[in-house]
Amino acid sequence: MGTGLTIRWALKHDVYIGSRSIDRAEVVASRLFNLARGFYQSDMEGSITGLLNKDAISESEIVVVCFPPEATIEAARALSIIL
């Protein structure tokens, strides 16, 4: 689900991919950016950038959590999305 949303939103918006590891975030963001460019080529106005989770959240107007169900509650608590 996250891949599909990311490549569609990146057509017109800047998208931040968060991870606990900056290296992983950058690898995933690069892969998704290249995938989106394949679909949109020169029409793509947005970007896809990998950041640490806390930085992705602070840079975003909207946060979409795309974790496997068993990891969602723990990850959200760690990121202070829910108390």
PDB file of N, CA and C in Angstrom:
ATOM      1  N   MET A   1       0.823  -1.182   0.000  1.00  0.00           N
ATOM      2  CA  MET A   1       0.000   0.000   0.000  1.00  0.00           C
ATOM      3  C   MET A   1       0.876   1.257   0.000  1.00  0.00           C
ATOM      4  N   GLY A   2       1.914   1.269   0.804  1.00  0.00           N
ATOM      5  CA  GLY A   2       2.777   2.442   0.901  1.00  0.00           C
ATOM      6  C   GLY A   2       3.450   2.790  -0.417  1.00  0.00           C
ATOM      7  N   THR A   3       3.858   1.781  -1.173  1.00  0.00           N
ATOM      8  CA  THR A   3       4.509   2.018  -2.462  1.00  0.00           C
ATOM      9  C   THR A   3       3.553   2.711  -3.425  1.00  0.00           C
ATOM     10  N   GLY A   4       2.347   2.183  -3.536  1.00  0.00           N
ATOM     11  CA  GLY A   4       1.369   2.771  -4.448  1.00  0.00           C
ATOM     12  C   GLY A   4       1.023   4.204  -4.096  1.00  0.00           C
ATOM     13  N   LEU A   5       0.804   4.468  -2.812  1.00  0.00           N
ATOM     14  CA  LEU A   5       0.497   5.829  -2.378  1.00  0.00           C
ATOM     15  C   LEU A   5       1.669   6.767  -2.656  1.00  0.00           C
ATOM     16  N   THR A   6       2.865   6.314  -2.339  1.00  0.00           N
ATOM     17  CA  THR A   6       4.053   7.151  -2.504  1.00  0.00           C
ATOM     18  C   THR A   6       4.258   7.568  -3.955  1.00  0.00           C
ATOM     19  N   ILE A   7       4.223   6.608  -4.870  1.00  0.00           N
ATOM     20  CA  ILE A   7       4.516   6.975  -6.261  1.00  0.00           C
ATOM     21  C   ILE A   7       3.408   7.842  -6.858  1.00  0.00           C
ATOM     22  N   ARG A   8       2.174   7.692  -6.397  1.00  0.00           N
ATOM     23  CA  ARG A   8       1.102   8.553  -6.895  1.00  0.00           C
ATOM     24  C   ARG A   8       1.192   9.965  -6.305  1.00  0.00           C
ATOM     25  N   TRP A   9       1.430  10.059  -5.006  1.00  0.00           N
ATOM     26  CA  TRP A   9       1.522  11.376  -4.372  1.00  0.00           C
ATOM     27  C   TRP A   9       2.738  12.158  -4.843  1.00  0.00           C
ATOM     28  N   ALA A  10       3.813  11.463  -5.187  1.00  0.00           N
ATOM     29  CA  ALA A  10       5.035  12.148  -5.608  1.00  0.00           C
ATOM     30  C   ALA A  10       4.871  12.864  -6.946  1.00  0.00           C
ATOM     31  N   LEU A  11       3.808  12.580  -7.671  1.00  0.00           N
ATOM     32  CA  LEU A  11       3.555  13.291  -8.923  1.00  0.00           C
ATOM     33  C   LEU A  11       3.465  14.791  -8.667  1.00  0.00           C
ATOM     34  N   LYS A  12       2.820  15.190  -7.583  1.00  0.00           N
ATOM     35  CA  LYS A  12       2.605  16.615  -7.296  1.00  0.00           C
ATOM     36  C   LYS A  12       3.080  17.062  -5.913  1.00  0.00           C
ATOM     37  N   HIS A  13       3.556  16.108  -5.077  1.00  0.00           N
ATOM     38  CA  HIS A  13       3.879  16.453  -3.690  1.00  0.00           C
ATOM     39  C   HIS A  13       5.255  15.912  -3.291  1.00  0.00           C
ATOM     40  N   ASP A  14       5.823  16.533  -2.270  1.00  0.00           N
ATOM     41  CA  ASP A  14       7.046  16.005  -1.666  1.00  0.00           C
ATOM     42  C   ASP A  14       6.647  14.958  -0.637  1.00  0.00           C
ATOM     43  N   VAL A  15       7.237  13.771  -0.753  1.00  0.00           N
ATOM     44  CA  VAL A  15       6.912  12.650   0.125  1.00  0.00           C
ATOM     45  C   VAL A  15       8.163  12.293   0.924  1.00  0.00           C
ATOM     46  N   TYR A  16       7.997  12.105   2.225  1.00  0.00           N
ATOM     47  CA  TYR A  16       9.100  11.708   3.094  1.00  0.00           C
ATOM     48  C   TYR A  16       8.891  10.274   3.541  1.00  0.00           C
ATOM     49  N   ILE A  17       9.901   9.460   3.361  1.00  0.00           N
ATOM     50  CA  ILE A  17       9.881   8.069   3.791  1.00  0.00           C
ATOM     51  C   ILE A  17      10.648   7.998   5.100  1.00  0.00           C
ATOM     52  N   GLY A  18       9.997   7.574   6.156  1.00  0.00           N
ATOM     53  CA  GLY A  18      10.645   7.479   7.458  1.00  0.00           C
ATOM     54  C   GLY A  18      11.094   6.067   7.767  1.00  0.00           C
ATOM     55  N   SER A  19      12.162   5.986   8.544  1.00  0.00           N
ATOM     56  CA  SER A  19      12.677   4.703   9.011  1.00  0.00           C
ATOM     57  C   SER A  19      13.485   4.946  10.281  1.00  0.00           C
ATOM     58  N   ARG A  20      13.726   3.879  11.030  1.00  0.00           N
ATOM     59  CA  ARG A  20      14.617   3.987  12.196  1.00  0.00           C
ATOM     60  C   ARG A  20      16.063   4.122  11.751  1.00  0.00           C
ATOM     61  N   SER A  21      16.345   3.739  10.508  1.00  0.00           N
ATOM     62  CA  SER A  21      17.697   3.798   9.949  1.00  0.00           C
ATOM     63  C   SER A  21      17.710   4.757   8.768  1.00  0.00           C
ATOM     64  N   ILE A  22      18.560   5.769   8.817  1.00  0.00           N
ATOM     65  CA  ILE A  22      18.652   6.726   7.708  1.00  0.00           C
ATOM     66  C   ILE A  22      19.097   6.027   6.429  1.00  0.00           C
ATOM     67  N   ASP A  23      19.993   5.048   6.554  1.00  0.00           N
ATOM     68  CA  ASP A  23      20.448   4.322   5.361  1.00  0.00           C
ATOM     69  C   ASP A  23      19.287   3.597   4.695  1.00  0.00           C
ATOM     70  N   ARG A  24      18.477   2.929   5.481  1.00  0.00           N
ATOM     71  CA  ARG A  24      17.321   2.211   4.925  1.00  0.00           C
ATOM     72  C   ARG A  24      16.327   3.194   4.316  1.00  0.00           C
ATOM     73  N   ALA A  25      16.070   4.292   4.993  1.00  0.00           N
ATOM     74  CA  ALA A  25      15.131   5.297   4.474  1.00  0.00           C
ATOM     75  C   ALA A  25      15.599   5.820   3.121  1.00  0.00           C
ATOM     76  N   GLU A  26      16.880   6.089   3.002  1.00  0.00           N
ATOM     77  CA  GLU A  26      17.416   6.618   1.743  1.00  0.00           C
ATOM     78  C   GLU A  26      17.365   5.583   0.621  1.00  0.00           C
ATOM     79  N   VAL A  27      17.630   4.328   0.942  1.00  0.00           N
ATOM     80  CA  VAL A  27      17.569   3.257  -0.066  1.00  0.00           C
ATOM     81  C   VAL A  27      16.133   3.093  -0.564  1.00  0.00           C
ATOM     82  N   VAL A  28      15.181   3.039   0.361  1.00  0.00           N
ATOM     83  CA  VAL A  28      13.777   2.881  -0.021  1.00  0.00           C
ATOM     84  C   VAL A  28      13.303   4.098  -0.813  1.00  0.00           C
ATOM     85  N   ALA A  29      13.647   5.295  -0.359  1.00  0.00           N
ATOM     86  CA  ALA A  29      13.240   6.513  -1.061  1.00  0.00           C
ATOM     87  C   ALA A  29      13.811   6.550  -2.475  1.00  0.00           C
ATOM     88  N   SER A  30      15.048   6.167  -2.633  1.00  0.00           N
ATOM     89  CA  SER A  30      15.675   6.143  -3.961  1.00  0.00           C
ATOM     90  C   SER A  30      14.968   5.148  -4.875  1.00  0.00           C
ATOM     91  N   ARG A  31      14.668   3.966  -4.359  1.00  0.00           N
ATOM     92  CA  ARG A  31      13.978   2.950  -5.153  1.00  0.00           C
ATOM     93  C   ARG A  31      12.600   3.444  -5.582  1.00  0.00           C
ATOM     94  N   LEU A  32      11.864   4.043  -4.656  1.00  0.00           N
ATOM     95  CA  LEU A  32      10.527   4.532  -4.976  1.00  0.00           C
ATOM     96  C   LEU A  32      10.572   5.735  -5.916  1.00  0.00           C
ATOM     97  N   PHE A  33      11.569   6.590  -5.747  1.00  0.00           N
ATOM     98  CA  PHE A  33      11.728   7.738  -6.645  1.00  0.00           C
ATOM     99  C   PHE A  33      11.980   7.260  -8.075  1.00  0.00           C
ATOM    100  N   ASN A  34      12.863   6.284  -8.227  1.00  0.00           N
ATOM    101  CA  ASN A  34      13.143   5.749  -9.561  1.00  0.00           C
ATOM    102  C   ASN A  34      11.914   5.080 -10.169  1.00  0.00           C
ATOM    103  N   LEU A  35      11.138   4.395  -9.341  1.00  0.00           N
ATOM    104  CA  LEU A  35       9.900   3.777  -9.810  1.00  0.00           C
ATOM    105  C   LEU A  35       8.910   4.847 -10.269  1.00  0.00           C
ATOM    106  N   ALA A  36       8.737   5.887  -9.470  1.00  0.00           N
ATOM    107  CA  ALA A  36       7.820   6.970  -9.821  1.00  0.00           C
ATOM    108  C   ALA A  36       8.269   7.677 -11.094  1.00  0.00           C
ATOM    109  N   ARG A  37       9.563   7.919 -11.220  1.00  0.00           N
ATOM    110  CA  ARG A  37      10.081   8.570 -12.438  1.00  0.00           C
ATOM    111  C   ARG A  37       9.792   7.726 -13.666  1.00  0.00           C
ATOM    112  N   GLY A  38       9.805   6.411 -13.523  1.00  0.00           N
ATOM    113  CA  GLY A  38       9.482   5.528 -14.629  1.00  0.00           C
ATOM    114  C   GLY A  38       8.050   5.698 -15.099  1.00  0.00           C
ATOM    115  N   PHE A  39       7.152   5.986 -14.161  1.00  0.00           N
ATOM    116  CA  PHE A  39       5.752   6.201 -14.517  1.00  0.00           C
ATOM    117  C   PHE A  39       5.510   7.597 -15.074  1.00  0.00           C
ATOM    118  N   TYR A  40       6.097   8.603 -14.439  1.00  0.00           N
ATOM    119  CA  TYR A  40       5.736   9.987 -14.733  1.00  0.00           C
ATOM    120  C   TYR A  40       6.736  10.730 -15.602  1.00  0.00           C
ATOM    121  N   GLN A  41       7.973  10.253 -15.655  1.00  0.00           N
ATOM    122  CA  GLN A  41       9.051  10.874 -16.416  1.00  0.00           C
ATOM    123  C   GLN A  41       9.147  12.356 -16.095  1.00  0.00           C
ATOM    124  N   SER A  42       8.991  13.228 -17.052  1.00  0.00           N
ATOM    125  CA  SER A  42       9.206  14.652 -16.802  1.00  0.00           C
ATOM    126  C   SER A  42       8.001  15.340 -16.159  1.00  0.00           C
ATOM    127  N   ASP A  43       6.863  14.654 -16.023  1.00  0.00           N
ATOM    128  CA  ASP A  43       5.676  15.254 -15.417  1.00  0.00           C
ATOM    129  C   ASP A  43       5.733  15.279 -13.893  1.00  0.00           C
ATOM    130  N   MET A  44       6.700  14.596 -13.297  1.00  0.00           N
ATOM    131  CA  MET A  44       6.780  14.489 -11.843  1.00  0.00           C
ATOM    132  C   MET A  44       7.279  15.804 -11.253  1.00  0.00           C
ATOM    133  N   GLU A  45       6.445  16.412 -10.416  1.00  0.00           N
ATOM    134  CA  GLU A  45       6.792  17.685  -9.784  1.00  0.00           C
ATOM    135  C   GLU A  45       7.242  17.521  -8.337  1.00  0.00           C
ATOM    136  N   GLY A  46       6.909  16.399  -7.722  1.00  0.00           N
ATOM    137  CA  GLY A  46       7.246  16.177  -6.323  1.00  0.00           C
ATOM    138  C   GLY A  46       8.578  15.474  -6.163  1.00  0.00           C
ATOM    139  N   SER A  47       8.835  15.054  -4.947  1.00  0.00           N
ATOM    140  CA  SER A  47      10.085  14.356  -4.629  1.00  0.00           C
ATOM    141  C   SER A  47       9.791  13.253  -3.616  1.00  0.00           C
ATOM    142  N   ILE A  48      10.757  12.368  -3.449  1.00  0.00           N
ATOM    143  CA  ILE A  48      10.680  11.319  -2.436  1.00  0.00           C
ATOM    144  C   ILE A  48      12.017  11.326  -1.712  1.00  0.00           C
ATOM    145  N   THR A  49      11.975  11.577  -0.414  1.00  0.00           N
ATOM    146  CA  THR A  49      13.190  11.736   0.381  1.00  0.00           C
ATOM    147  C   THR A  49      13.148  10.807   1.589  1.00  0.00           C
ATOM    148  N   GLY A  50      14.239  10.151   1.888  1.00  0.00           N
ATOM    149  CA  GLY A  50      14.337   9.292   3.056  1.00  0.00           C
ATOM    150  C   GLY A  50      14.861  10.051   4.259  1.00  0.00           C
ATOM    151  N   LEU A  51      14.179   9.914   5.388  1.00  0.00           N
ATOM    152  CA  LEU A  51      14.562  10.577   6.636  1.00  0.00           C
ATOM    153  C   LEU A  51      14.370   9.618   7.805  1.00  0.00           C
ATOM    154  N   LEU A  52      14.944   9.967   8.931  1.00  0.00           N
ATOM    155  CA  LEU A  52      14.617   9.242  10.156  1.00  0.00           C
ATOM    156  C   LEU A  52      13.150   9.475  10.480  1.00  0.00           C
ATOM    157  N   ASN A  53      12.511   8.530  11.126  1.00  0.00           N
ATOM    158  CA  ASN A  53      11.079   8.632  11.432  1.00  0.00           C
ATOM    159  C   ASN A  53      10.701   9.972  12.043  1.00  0.00           C
ATOM    160  N   LYS A  54      11.416  10.383  13.080  1.00  0.00           N
ATOM    161  CA  LYS A  54      11.061  11.621  13.778  1.00  0.00           C
ATOM    162  C   LYS A  54      11.169  12.833  12.861  1.00  0.00           C
ATOM    163  N   ASP A  55      12.139  12.832  11.959  1.00  0.00           N
ATOM    164  CA  ASP A  55      12.306  13.948  11.028  1.00  0.00           C
ATOM    165  C   ASP A  55      11.234  13.927   9.941  1.00  0.00           C
ATOM    166  N   ALA A  56      10.885  12.743   9.467  1.00  0.00           N
ATOM    167  CA  ALA A  56       9.823  12.625   8.464  1.00  0.00           C
ATOM    168  C   ALA A  56       8.504  13.144   9.031  1.00  0.00           C
ATOM    169  N   ILE A  57       8.224  12.817  10.284  1.00  0.00           N
ATOM    170  CA  ILE A  57       6.996  13.282  10.924  1.00  0.00           C
ATOM    171  C   ILE A  57       7.002  14.790  11.089  1.00  0.00           C
ATOM    172  N   SER A  58       8.115  15.339  11.553  1.00  0.00           N
ATOM    173  CA  SER A  58       8.157  16.784  11.798  1.00  0.00           C
ATOM    174  C   SER A  58       8.113  17.601  10.506  1.00  0.00           C
ATOM    175  N   GLU A  59       8.528  17.027   9.394  1.00  0.00           N
ATOM    176  CA  GLU A  59       8.505  17.725   8.105  1.00  0.00           C
ATOM    177  C   GLU A  59       7.165  17.611   7.389  1.00  0.00           C
ATOM    178  N   SER A  60       6.288  16.753   7.873  1.00  0.00           N
ATOM    179  CA  SER A  60       5.072  16.407   7.131  1.00  0.00           C
ATOM    180  C   SER A  60       3.834  17.130   7.628  1.00  0.00           C
ATOM    181  N   GLU A  61       2.935  17.416   6.694  1.00  0.00           N
ATOM    182  CA  GLU A  61       1.615  17.939   7.034  1.00  0.00           C
ATOM    183  C   GLU A  61       0.670  16.792   7.358  1.00  0.00           C
ATOM    184  N   ILE A  62       0.857  15.666   6.689  1.00  0.00           N
ATOM    185  CA  ILE A  62       0.033  14.474   6.878  1.00  0.00           C
ATOM    186  C   ILE A  62       0.967  13.287   7.057  1.00  0.00           C
ATOM    187  N   VAL A  63       0.663  12.416   8.006  1.00  0.00           N
ATOM    188  CA  VAL A  63       1.477  11.217   8.234  1.00  0.00           C
ATOM    189  C   VAL A  63       0.596   9.999   7.968  1.00  0.00           C
ATOM    190  N   VAL A  64       1.082   9.115   7.116  1.00  0.00           N
ATOM    191  CA  VAL A  64       0.397   7.867   6.819  1.00  0.00           C
ATOM    192  C   VAL A  64       1.280   6.746   7.351  1.00  0.00           C
ATOM    193  N   VAL A  65       0.732   5.935   8.228  1.00  0.00           N
ATOM    194  CA  VAL A  65       1.476   4.831   8.824  1.00  0.00           C
ATOM    195  C   VAL A  65       1.225   3.577   7.989  1.00  0.00           C
ATOM    196  N   CYS A  66       2.291   3.052   7.414  1.00  0.00           N
ATOM    197  CA  CYS A  66       2.198   1.848   6.571  1.00  0.00           C
ATOM    198  C   CYS A  66       3.136   0.781   7.110  1.00  0.00           C
ATOM    199  N   PHE A  67       2.759   0.221   8.233  1.00  0.00           N
ATOM    200  CA  PHE A  67       3.510  -0.862   8.852  1.00  0.00           C
ATOM    201  C   PHE A  67       2.698  -2.144   8.749  1.00  0.00           C
ATOM    202  N   PRO A  68       3.353  -3.291   8.894  1.00  0.00           N
ATOM    203  CA  PRO A  68       2.572  -4.520   9.034  1.00  0.00           C
ATOM    204  C   PRO A  68       1.693  -4.385  10.289  1.00  0.00           C
ATOM    205  N   PRO A  69       0.497  -4.963  10.274  1.00  0.00           N
ATOM    206  CA  PRO A  69      -0.422  -4.793  11.406  1.00  0.00           C
ATOM    207  C   PRO A  69       0.196  -5.080  12.766  1.00  0.00           C
ATOM    208  N   GLU A  70       0.999  -6.122  12.857  1.00  0.00           N
ATOM    209  CA  GLU A  70       1.563  -6.493  14.161  1.00  0.00           C
ATOM    210  C   GLU A  70       2.589  -5.478  14.678  1.00  0.00           C
ATOM    211  N   ALA A  71       3.093  -4.593  13.833  1.00  0.00           N
ATOM    212  CA  ALA A  71       4.096  -3.614  14.254  1.00  0.00           C
ATOM    213  C   ALA A  71       3.526  -2.210  14.434  1.00  0.00           C
ATOM    214  N   THR A  72       2.303  -1.983  14.035  1.00  0.00           N
ATOM    215  CA  THR A  72       1.749  -0.631  13.988  1.00  0.00           C
ATOM    216  C   THR A  72       1.632   0.020  15.360  1.00  0.00           C
ATOM    217  N   ILE A  73       1.038  -0.653  16.334  1.00  0.00           N
ATOM    218  CA  ILE A  73       0.827  -0.045  17.654  1.00  0.00           C
ATOM    219  C   ILE A  73       2.158   0.296  18.316  1.00  0.00           C
ATOM    220  N   GLU A  74       3.085  -0.639  18.320  1.00  0.00           N
ATOM    221  CA  GLU A  74       4.394  -0.393  18.938  1.00  0.00           C
ATOM    222  C   GLU A  74       5.118   0.763  18.246  1.00  0.00           C
ATOM    223  N   ALA A  75       5.100   0.789  16.936  1.00  0.00           N
ATOM    224  CA  ALA A  75       5.781   1.858  16.197  1.00  0.00           C
ATOM    225  C   ALA A  75       5.123   3.206  16.453  1.00  0.00           C
ATOM    226  N   ALA A  76       3.802   3.247  16.465  1.00  0.00           N
ATOM    227  CA  ALA A  76       3.101   4.493  16.718  1.00  0.00           C
ATOM    228  C   ALA A  76       3.390   5.023  18.112  1.00  0.00           C
ATOM    229  N   ARG A  77       3.417   4.158  19.093  1.00  0.00           N
ATOM    230  CA  ARG A  77       3.761   4.581  20.455  1.00  0.00           C
ATOM    231  C   ARG A  77       5.182   5.133  20.504  1.00  0.00           C
ATOM    232  N   ALA A  78       6.097   4.462  19.834  1.00  0.00           N
ATOM    233  CA  ALA A  78       7.495   4.912  19.821  1.00  0.00           C
ATOM    234  C   ALA A  78       7.630   6.279  19.171  1.00  0.00           C
ATOM    235  N   LEU A  79       6.768   6.580  18.239  1.00  0.00           N
ATOM    236  CA  LEU A  79       6.825   7.861  17.531  1.00  0.00           C
ATOM    237  C   LEU A  79       5.919   8.912  18.138  1.00  0.00           C
ATOM    238  N   SER A  80       5.285   8.593  19.267  1.00  0.00           N
ATOM    239  CA  SER A  80       4.393   9.507  19.996  1.00  0.00           C
ATOM    240  C   SER A  80       3.195   9.945  19.182  1.00  0.00           C
ATOM    241  N   ILE A  81       2.777   9.104  18.233  1.00  0.00           N
ATOM    242  CA  ILE A  81       1.582   9.405  17.470  1.00  0.00           C
ATOM    243  C   ILE A  81       0.362   9.159  18.345  1.00  0.00           C
ATOM    244  N   ILE A  82       0.419   8.062  19.114  1.00  0.00           N
ATOM    245  CA  ILE A  82      -0.662   7.778  20.059  1.00  0.00           C
ATOM    246  C   ILE A  82      -0.045   7.589  21.436  1.00  0.00           C
ATOM    247  N   LEU A  83      -0.815   7.811  22.467  1.00  0.00           N
ATOM    248  CA  LEU A  83      -0.303   7.648  23.835  1.00  0.00           C
ATOM    249  C   LEU A  83      -0.815   6.399  24.480  1.00  0.00           C
TER     250      LEU A  83
END
